[in-house]
Amino acid sequence: MMLFFRKVLLCWCLLLLSCRPTLSAHDFFTSIGQMTDLLFTEKDLVTSLKDYIKAEESKLERVKKWADKLEALTAVAIQDPEGFLGHPVNAFKLMKRLNTEWSDLESLVLSDTTDGFISNLTIQRQYFPTDDDQTGAAKALLRLQDTYKLDANSIATGNLPGAKHKTLMTAEDCYELGKIAYTDVDYYHTELWMAQALKQLDEEEESIVDKVTVLDYLSYAIYQQGELERALEYTKRLLELDPEHQRAKGNVKYFEFQLEKQRNEVKDHTSKQKEPDKKEAPEKKPKEKKEKKAFSLIPERKKYEMLCRGEGIKMTPRRESRLFCRYYDNNRNPFYVLGPVKQQDEWDRPYIVRFLDIISEKEIEKVKQLAKPRLKRATVHDPQTGKLTTAQYRVSKSAWLTGYEDPVIETINQRIEDLTGLEMDTAEELQVANYGVGGQYEPHFDFGRKDEPDAFKELGTGNRIATWLFYMSDVSAGGATVFPDVGASVRPLKGTAVFWYNLFPSGEGDYSTRHAACPVLVGNKWVSNKWIHERGQEWRRPCGLNETDS
């Protein structure tokens, strides 16, 4: 009856759990802010697990005491069984033990102490990261590796710039990373991480991953990159460990055949070159001077990554001498006449300025508090459909906050209006963004181009005339805002904001404002931005007659 009741109760609990609305957040890896909640979830599970362990230990302790008592009793009894049972109390107790007490012991051993832990785990599981989260975090590591030119060993040993908490990766971690790259047909990263896993296994690290499996992936990844000799070398090493590995046996024969074929082709080619050429000798072309590539000729992706690493073009001393710091009151705005703000020039073309100490710690915490429950995967405008969609080149989560929700947001909006002199009624809501593992936003324009006539049609407020960007956290490494076309790089600095115009006074787009958010290497990046639109600025920023007048 009791067993039946427990089954009914378990079914009822499962039914309640199945009816519970799914609150699971997706894309955990795209927001460090939301990932922090997972640490508390894990802490709760560890507490529950320890309670389960205590219950199991208590049960085993009772079983052990019972076993010790019976061991001592039987040790005496079997020395003289008949004499022992000749005592009527001993005979009675033997009947009692075998009929009752061993049944009680059976019930004790079979008693389930897992209910609390399993129930808690089942409830929490709906909030766990998914396979997509794990894959996204893995790809983020690979992206950071490429952008910041990090070797696998530096990442595996936790030697990252600015890192406070160094965490070692196991051979199994490296293997899983390599396997994810392999699934993505990314043989370059497959090789790097399988080689790192092999290195750690060679150093006698204990692991559930074996060298044979790692060598199998490694040799194939190297072969796919055209390095037959190295692929053959690793395959032979695999066969030393597992002589009966059928695929490796076949690969050795294939690799040796292909290498012999390559050598013969090289010999044929060399012999043909040695034969005297009866035709006219080809004219000797003058050696072209290797000119250093100008920054402007480098592909945008490389420029972007160079700037993220702190490389790229630097402003000339003459240009730099024209950049100034000042106390700014926006033409004696009443709010700032007595308390002007600190402003400094970051770049000249496009003109980018930074406001220092422009948002307080208290305001930052309030904005984060309001935004965190609403964070969703950041979207971009699809130029084909005009609709918002997620994209791999924008890895973050964002939330939108309106002025009427909290006085702090209204105060911030008013501050932006006072310092820019631009109308905020037609601006978009304050967007708060939190970047995740390797969080980034690849090069893009904030304004709509001529080939995107419907980019902001639904807003009815015209194009994005300017961008205001608050930095609400410091970032230990990475996370800069860079402008690949001009070589500008703006570092995140908590409590500051940067501002620039996306459009010339004529209304034409300023294509030099194409910018990107570099991947966050170490740290947690929080920003909030205000996209200001054309409507309402007619008297605040009059139109210019020339197309590119500043």
Foldseek 3Di string as FASTA:
>chain_A
DVVVVVVVVVVVLVVVLVPDDQPAAAQCQFFPLSVVVVVVLVVVLVVQVVQLVVVVVVLVVVVVVVVVVVVVVVVVCVVPVVVQVVPVVSVVVVVCCVVPVVVVNVCSVPDDSCVRSVSSCSNCVSHDYDPVNVLLLLVLVVVCCVLQVNAPVCVQQQVDFLDPDRDHHALVNLCVSLVSCVVVVNLVSVQRSLVVSLVRVVVVDDDPDDNLVSLVSNLVSVVVVPPLVVSLVSLVVSCVVPVPPVVSVVSNVVSVVVVVVVVVVVVVVVVVVPDDDPDDDDDDDDDDDDDDDALLPDDLVNLQSQVLNVHDDDDDPVQVVPKDKDFDQPVPQVVPVPPGWIKTWQHVVQTKMKTALQADLVLLVVVCVVKVVPWHQAWDQDLVPLDTDHDPQARKTKDFDACVVDVSQVVSLVSVCRRLVADQPLWGTKMKIKGRSQGKHPWDAQWDAPSRPCNPVVSVQAIQFKKKKAWQDAASGGFWKAQSNVSGTHHRDHSMMMMGTQAALQRHGSNSPGIMTGTRNGDMTMMIMMGGGDHRCCPRRPHDDDRHDD
